[in-house]
């Protein structure tokens, strides 16, 4: 029996995995789409299908997130629109690279290696952030309305054409286009929303307040996902069944993850998230080596490691949240996920 073109076991698996990704999205503000593509690659989906389906998933999750940030006025639509051309061109360039590598028969290997390096780098940054969380850094901006010194320096170079952003500050179109194009290439090549690159780039390079950078980054994810889903969809490589199952799970997971931020201190969980990403990097590496070594069992080990590490961190978040609610049954809990 099949539903959405998937067997019941595979359908349940994608719903559960989507739920875990949704929890990460709601709690950390990162969609977790960088876990979707490697999971599909490990399951044997061709690289274009894995990337295209992941891009469609990014679009679905970003729509919900952008609406939430729109309600509190944290989206700079003018900046997002100005980045659109760079994002669209970058995604198209990334897609061309993927299909070129697919013709050569190297797409899965190259994308897999890129994910090994990407997940390891992001995981290392999260662990470093968690370890240094309590160490004061006088060079960092301490107020959400401030911008980093490097952004102020970049904005001091008035390279025309200059545009005025929603917050009244000015930025060069060269900087905006460069950020959009760079993120677009990463999104189109790896099938990710690119928030882990786009948000810091908007904050540190373009220079808008942190809260606006987060909201605008999510709007950028919406555009990246829309363009990516459209371009890959034209090539007929999006698996609608997979995307639907993932979105079914993530819709619930995102709500739970968002609610957990009021009860769980992000500092307690960040290091586990970093470790999970390092394990995910190892999982992709093991999966890539399965074919080289002629050991199909490694594909199973790889997928179990990827899903198992994600389930562990999800359980940590839910456990901390449940304990906090249990100790404060009336919901009188002081939010601990953010101090600034």
Protein backbone atom coordinates (compact mmCIF):
# COMPACT_ATOMS: atom_id res chain seq x y z
CA UNK A 1 0.00 0.00 0.00
CA UNK A 2 1.33 3.42 -0.97
CA UNK A 3 0.33 6.95 0.01
CA UNK A 4 1.74 9.95 -1.89
CA UNK A 5 3.77 7.44 -3.87
CA UNK A 6 5.55 6.24 -0.72
CA UNK A 7 5.31 3.00 1.20
CA UNK A 8 3.84 3.30 4.68
CA UNK A 9 7.22 2.78 6.37
CA UNK A 10 8.93 5.42 4.22
CA UNK A 11 6.00 7.83 4.64
CA UNK A 12 6.18 7.51 8.44
CA UNK A 13 9.95 7.95 8.33
CA UNK A 14 9.72 11.22 6.38
CA UNK A 15 6.95 12.58 8.63
CA UNK A 16 9.04 11.83 11.74
CA UNK A 17 12.18 13.29 10.17
CA UNK A 18 10.22 16.37 9.11
CA UNK A 19 8.97 16.70 12.69
CA UNK A 20 12.55 16.71 14.02
CA UNK A 21 13.67 19.25 11.43
CA UNK A 22 10.65 21.37 12.37
CA UNK A 23 11.64 21.30 16.05
CA UNK A 24 15.14 22.52 15.11
CA UNK A 25 13.61 25.23 12.97
CA UNK A 26 11.27 26.45 15.69
CA UNK A 27 13.89 26.30 18.43
CA UNK A 28 17.13 27.40 16.74
CA UNK A 29 15.68 29.48 13.89
CA UNK A 30 17.47 27.24 11.39
CA UNK A 31 15.28 25.19 9.10
CA UNK A 32 17.48 22.11 9.18
CA UNK A 33 17.11 21.78 5.42
CA UNK A 34 20.83 21.02 5.34
CA UNK A 35 19.87 17.61 6.81
CA UNK A 36 17.21 16.82 4.18
CA UNK A 37 19.46 16.59 1.11
CA UNK A 38 22.05 14.25 2.69
CA UNK A 39 19.26 12.06 4.10
CA UNK A 40 17.74 11.68 0.63
CA UNK A 41 21.18 11.01 -0.88
CA UNK A 42 21.81 8.27 1.69
CA UNK A 43 18.41 6.73 0.83
CA UNK A 44 19.52 6.49 -2.79
CA UNK A 45 17.68 9.43 -4.36
CA UNK A 46 19.58 11.02 -7.29
CA UNK A 47 21.28 14.32 -6.43
CA UNK A 48 18.91 16.51 -8.54
CA UNK A 49 15.85 14.90 -6.89
CA UNK A 50 17.32 15.26 -3.39
CA UNK A 51 18.24 18.91 -3.96
CA UNK A 52 15.02 19.87 -5.76
CA UNK A 53 12.83 18.23 -3.10
CA UNK A 54 14.81 19.93 -0.35
CA UNK A 55 14.35 23.32 -2.03
CA UNK A 56 10.58 22.77 -2.18
CA UNK A 57 10.62 21.88 1.52
CA UNK A 58 12.58 25.07 2.25
CA UNK A 59 9.90 27.13 0.52
CA UNK A 60 7.11 25.56 2.54
CA UNK A 61 8.78 26.10 5.92
CA UNK A 62 9.96 29.63 5.04
CA UNK A 63 6.44 30.82 4.19
CA UNK A 64 5.25 30.03 7.72
CA UNK A 65 8.35 31.55 9.35
CA UNK A 66 8.26 34.75 7.31
CA UNK A 67 4.62 35.34 8.21
CA UNK A 68 5.50 35.02 11.90
CA UNK A 69 8.31 37.60 11.65
CA UNK A 70 6.15 39.86 9.47
CA UNK A 71 3.69 40.16 12.34
CA UNK A 72 6.34 41.79 14.55
CA UNK A 73 7.83 43.96 11.77
CA UNK A 74 11.17 42.16 11.52
CA UNK A 75 11.27 41.74 7.72
CA UNK A 76 12.99 44.26 5.45
CA UNK A 77 11.11 43.49 2.24
CA UNK A 78 12.99 46.14 0.28
CA UNK A 79 16.34 44.52 1.04
CA UNK A 80 14.91 41.07 0.33
CA UNK A 81 13.59 42.25 -3.04
CA UNK A 82 16.95 43.80 -3.93
CA UNK A 83 18.67 40.50 -3.13
CA UNK A 84 16.23 38.58 -5.31
CA UNK A 85 18.12 38.94 -8.62
CA UNK A 86 21.38 37.75 -7.08
CA UNK A 87 19.63 34.84 -5.38
CA UNK A 88 17.83 33.80 -8.58
CA UNK A 89 20.99 33.94 -10.71
CA UNK A 90 23.01 32.16 -8.03
CA UNK A 91 20.48 29.32 -7.72
CA UNK A 92 20.38 28.88 -11.47
CA UNK A 93 24.19 28.73 -11.50
CA UNK A 94 24.19 26.16 -8.71
CA UNK A 95 21.59 24.06 -10.55
CA UNK A 96 23.65 24.14 -13.76
CA UNK A 97 26.65 22.88 -11.79
CA UNK A 98 24.59 20.03 -10.31
CA UNK A 99 23.22 18.85 -13.66
CA UNK A 100 26.66 19.16 -15.27
CA UNK A 101 28.13 16.96 -12.55
CA UNK A 102 25.17 14.58 -12.95
CA UNK A 103 26.00 14.15 -16.63
CA UNK A 104 29.56 13.32 -15.66
CA UNK A 105 28.30 10.86 -13.06
CA UNK A 106 29.92 12.72 -10.15
CA UNK A 107 27.03 14.75 -8.70
CA UNK A 108 26.31 12.51 -5.69
CA UNK A 109 29.99 12.30 -4.76
CA UNK A 110 30.74 16.02 -5.08
CA UNK A 111 27.55 17.11 -3.29
CA UNK A 112 28.19 14.50 -0.60
CA UNK A 113 31.73 15.74 0.01
CA UNK A 114 30.48 19.32 0.12
CA UNK A 115 27.97 18.30 2.78
CA UNK A 116 30.63 16.52 4.85
CA UNK A 117 32.66 19.74 4.98
CA UNK A 118 29.62 21.98 5.44
CA UNK A 119 28.08 20.04 8.33
CA UNK A 120 31.44 19.67 10.06
CA UNK A 121 32.09 23.42 9.77
CA UNK A 122 28.63 24.41 11.07
CA UNK A 123 28.85 21.85 13.88
CA UNK A 124 32.25 23.17 14.90
CA UNK A 125 30.92 26.73 14.99
CA UNK A 126 27.97 25.71 17.19
CA UNK A 127 30.21 23.85 19.63
CA UNK A 128 32.66 26.75 19.74
CA UNK A 129 29.77 29.15 20.33
CA UNK A 130 28.46 27.00 23.18
CA UNK A 131 31.89 26.72 24.83
CA UNK A 132 32.60 30.45 24.56
CA UNK A 133 29.04 31.50 25.43
CA UNK A 134 29.99 32.83 28.85
CA UNK A 135 33.17 34.54 27.69
CA UNK A 136 32.50 38.29 27.21
CA UNK A 137 33.52 39.71 23.86
CA UNK A 138 33.73 43.48 23.86
CA UNK A 139 34.09 43.53 20.10
CA UNK A 140 30.66 41.96 19.54
CA UNK A 141 27.49 44.03 19.27
CA UNK A 142 25.49 43.55 22.46
CA UNK A 143 22.21 45.14 21.43
CA UNK A 144 19.83 43.87 18.76
CA UNK A 145 19.56 47.42 17.43
CA UNK A 146 23.32 47.71 16.90
CA UNK A 147 25.37 46.42 13.99
CA UNK A 148 28.89 44.93 14.07
CA UNK A 149 31.97 47.06 13.52
CA UNK A 150 32.83 45.19 10.31
CA UNK A 151 29.43 46.16 8.87
CA UNK A 152 29.98 49.80 9.83
CA UNK A 153 33.35 49.71 8.08
CA UNK A 154 31.89 48.20 4.91
CA UNK A 155 29.05 50.72 4.87
CA UNK A 156 31.55 53.56 5.20
CA UNK A 157 32.69 52.84 1.62
CA UNK A 158 30.08 54.54 -0.52
CA UNK A 159 30.40 52.54 -3.74
CA UNK A 160 27.52 53.55 -6.03
CA UNK A 161 24.82 52.74 -6.68
CA UNK A 162 23.78 53.21 -3.03
CA UNK A 163 20.27 52.36 -1.82
CA UNK A 164 18.38 53.40 1.29
CA UNK A 165 17.05 50.45 3.31
CA UNK A 166 13.87 50.32 5.36
CA UNK A 167 15.70 51.25 8.59
CA UNK A 168 17.04 54.42 6.92
CA UNK A 169 20.62 53.19 6.51
CA UNK A 170 22.41 52.98 3.16
CA UNK A 171 24.14 50.03 1.50
CA UNK A 172 25.87 49.46 -1.81
CA UNK A 173 24.03 47.40 -4.42
CA UNK A 174 27.35 45.60 -5.03
CA UNK A 175 27.31 44.30 -1.46
CA UNK A 176 23.63 43.35 -1.62
CA UNK A 177 24.03 41.59 -4.99
CA UNK A 178 27.17 39.79 -3.82
CA UNK A 179 25.43 38.44 -0.72
CA UNK A 180 22.39 37.35 -2.74
CA UNK A 181 24.46 35.70 -5.46
CA UNK A 182 26.75 33.86 -3.06
CA UNK A 183 23.88 32.50 -0.99
CA UNK A 184 21.99 31.59 -4.17
CA UNK A 185 24.86 29.45 -5.46
CA UNK A 186 25.08 27.57 -2.16
CA UNK A 187 21.28 27.11 -2.13
CA UNK A 188 21.08 25.90 -5.72
CA UNK A 189 24.05 23.55 -5.42
CA UNK A 190 23.25 21.98 -2.06
CA UNK A 191 19.48 22.38 -1.85
CA UNK A 192 19.50 24.37 1.37
CA UNK A 193 17.79 27.56 2.44
CA UNK A 194 21.21 29.03 3.17
CA UNK A 195 20.09 30.75 6.37
CA UNK A 196 23.29 29.76 8.17
CA UNK A 197 25.16 31.84 5.59
CA UNK A 198 22.57 34.45 4.60
CA UNK A 199 21.66 35.70 8.08
CA UNK A 200 25.29 36.32 9.19
CA UNK A 201 26.03 37.87 5.78
CA UNK A 202 23.08 40.26 6.06
CA UNK A 203 24.09 41.16 9.61
CA UNK A 204 27.87 41.40 9.22
CA UNK A 205 28.19 42.59 5.59
CA UNK A 206 25.05 44.54 4.74
CA UNK A 207 24.63 45.78 8.30
CA UNK A 208 21.05 45.81 9.55
CA UNK A 209 19.95 45.10 13.16
CA UNK A 210 20.03 41.47 14.25
CA UNK A 211 16.28 40.93 14.61
CA UNK A 212 15.68 42.42 11.17
CA UNK A 213 18.53 40.31 9.76
CA UNK A 214 16.83 37.13 11.04
CA UNK A 215 13.42 38.08 9.60
CA UNK A 216 14.88 39.25 6.29
CA UNK A 217 16.98 36.08 6.06
CA UNK A 218 13.82 33.99 6.38
CA UNK A 219 12.22 36.06 3.63
CA UNK A 220 15.34 35.30 1.58
CA UNK A 221 14.81 31.60 2.30
CA UNK A 222 11.27 31.95 1.00
CA UNK A 223 12.60 33.43 -2.25
CA UNK A 224 15.43 30.89 -2.49
CA UNK A 225 13.01 28.04 -1.94
CA UNK A 226 10.50 29.44 -4.44
CA UNK A 227 13.10 29.98 -7.16
CA UNK A 228 14.82 26.67 -6.45
CA UNK A 229 11.57 24.71 -6.37
CA UNK A 230 10.49 26.37 -9.63
CA UNK A 231 13.76 25.79 -11.51
CA UNK A 232 14.16 22.19 -10.32
CA UNK A 233 10.42 21.62 -10.79
CA UNK A 234 10.72 22.59 -14.46
CA UNK A 235 13.22 19.75 -14.77
CA UNK A 236 10.72 17.35 -13.19
CA UNK A 237 12.99 16.24 -10.36
CA UNK A 238 10.90 17.16 -7.28
CA UNK A 239 9.34 14.26 -5.39
CA UNK A 240 6.02 15.73 -4.23
CA UNK A 241 5.33 12.79 -1.93
CA UNK A 242 8.59 13.28 -0.03
CA UNK A 243 8.06 17.05 0.26
CA UNK A 244 4.47 16.65 1.48
CA UNK A 245 5.43 14.09 4.13
CA UNK A 246 8.27 16.28 5.39
CA UNK A 247 6.02 19.35 5.58
CA UNK A 248 3.35 17.38 7.48
CA UNK A 249 5.89 16.60 10.18
CA UNK A 250 7.63 19.97 10.23
CA UNK A 251 4.37 21.92 10.66
CA UNK A 252 3.84 20.31 14.07
CA UNK A 253 7.52 20.23 14.99
CA UNK A 254 7.99 23.95 14.32
CA UNK A 255 5.15 24.83 16.69
CA UNK A 256 6.58 22.67 19.45
CA UNK A 257 10.09 23.99 18.87
CA UNK A 258 8.91 27.59 19.00
CA UNK A 259 6.97 26.96 22.22
CA UNK A 260 10.02 25.29 23.79
CA UNK A 261 12.07 28.50 23.53
CA UNK A 262 10.03 29.93 26.42
CA UNK A 263 11.07 27.07 28.71
CA UNK A 264 14.44 25.80 27.53
CA UNK A 265 17.73 27.68 27.71
CA UNK A 266 19.27 27.52 24.24
CA UNK A 267 22.73 27.42 25.87
CA UNK A 268 21.88 24.01 27.32
CA UNK A 269 21.10 22.55 23.91
CA UNK A 270 23.43 24.34 21.48
CA UNK A 271 26.41 22.08 22.15
CA UNK A 272 24.25 18.99 21.51
CA UNK A 273 23.11 20.51 18.22
CA UNK A 274 26.76 21.06 17.25
CA UNK A 275 27.62 17.46 18.11
CA UNK A 276 24.63 16.30 16.06
CA UNK A 277 25.95 18.17 13.02
CA UNK A 278 29.39 16.61 13.44
CA UNK A 279 27.74 13.18 13.60
CA UNK A 280 25.69 14.07 10.52
CA UNK A 281 28.94 14.96 8.74
CA UNK A 282 30.36 11.57 9.70
CA UNK A 283 27.11 9.91 8.55
CA UNK A 284 27.38 11.44 5.07
CA UNK A 285 31.06 10.46 4.88
CA UNK A 286 30.18 6.86 5.80
CA UNK A 287 27.41 6.85 3.22
CA UNK A 288 29.76 8.10 0.51
CA UNK A 289 32.33 5.44 1.37
CA UNK A 290 29.73 2.65 1.13
CA UNK A 291 29.90 2.50 -2.67
CA UNK A 292 33.66 2.96 -2.82
CA UNK A 293 34.23 0.10 -0.38
CA UNK A 294 31.45 -2.05 -1.82
CA UNK A 295 29.78 -2.35 1.60
CA UNK A 296 26.03 -1.56 1.33
CA UNK A 297 25.66 -2.05 5.09
CA UNK A 298 27.41 1.31 5.53
CA UNK A 299 24.40 3.04 3.94
CA UNK A 300 22.25 1.68 6.75
CA UNK A 301 24.80 2.71 9.37
CA UNK A 302 24.97 6.17 7.82
CA UNK A 303 21.21 6.72 7.84
CA UNK A 304 20.78 5.38 11.38
CA UNK A 305 23.53 7.73 12.57
CA UNK A 306 21.95 10.73 10.81
CA UNK A 307 18.41 10.11 12.04
CA UNK A 308 19.55 8.86 15.45
CA UNK A 309 21.59 11.98 16.20
CA UNK A 310 18.68 14.18 15.11
CA UNK A 311 16.28 12.21 17.30
CA UNK A 312 18.65 12.56 20.26
CA UNK A 313 18.76 16.37 20.08
CA UNK A 314 14.99 16.54 19.52
CA UNK A 315 14.52 14.40 22.62
CA UNK A 316 16.81 16.71 24.62
CA UNK A 317 14.73 19.77 23.66
CA UNK A 318 11.44 18.02 24.41
CA UNK A 319 12.77 16.65 27.71
CA UNK A 320 13.97 20.03 28.97
CA UNK A 321 10.67 21.57 27.88
CA UNK A 322 8.60 18.87 29.57
CA UNK A 323 10.57 19.15 32.83
CA UNK A 324 10.17 22.95 32.84
CA UNK A 325 6.43 22.71 32.25
CA UNK A 326 6.09 20.00 34.90
CA UNK A 327 7.89 22.11 37.49
CA UNK A 328 5.74 25.13 36.58
CA UNK A 329 2.30 23.67 35.83
CA UNK A 330 0.64 27.06 35.67
CA UNK A 331 3.01 28.20 32.92
CA UNK A 332 4.58 30.94 35.03
CA UNK A 333 8.00 30.45 33.48
CA UNK A 334 10.51 33.16 32.82
CA UNK A 335 11.80 32.78 29.23
CA UNK A 336 15.39 31.58 29.31
CA UNK A 337 16.15 31.14 25.66
CA UNK A 338 17.28 34.74 25.19
CA UNK A 339 18.75 37.34 27.47
CA UNK A 340 19.07 40.18 25.00
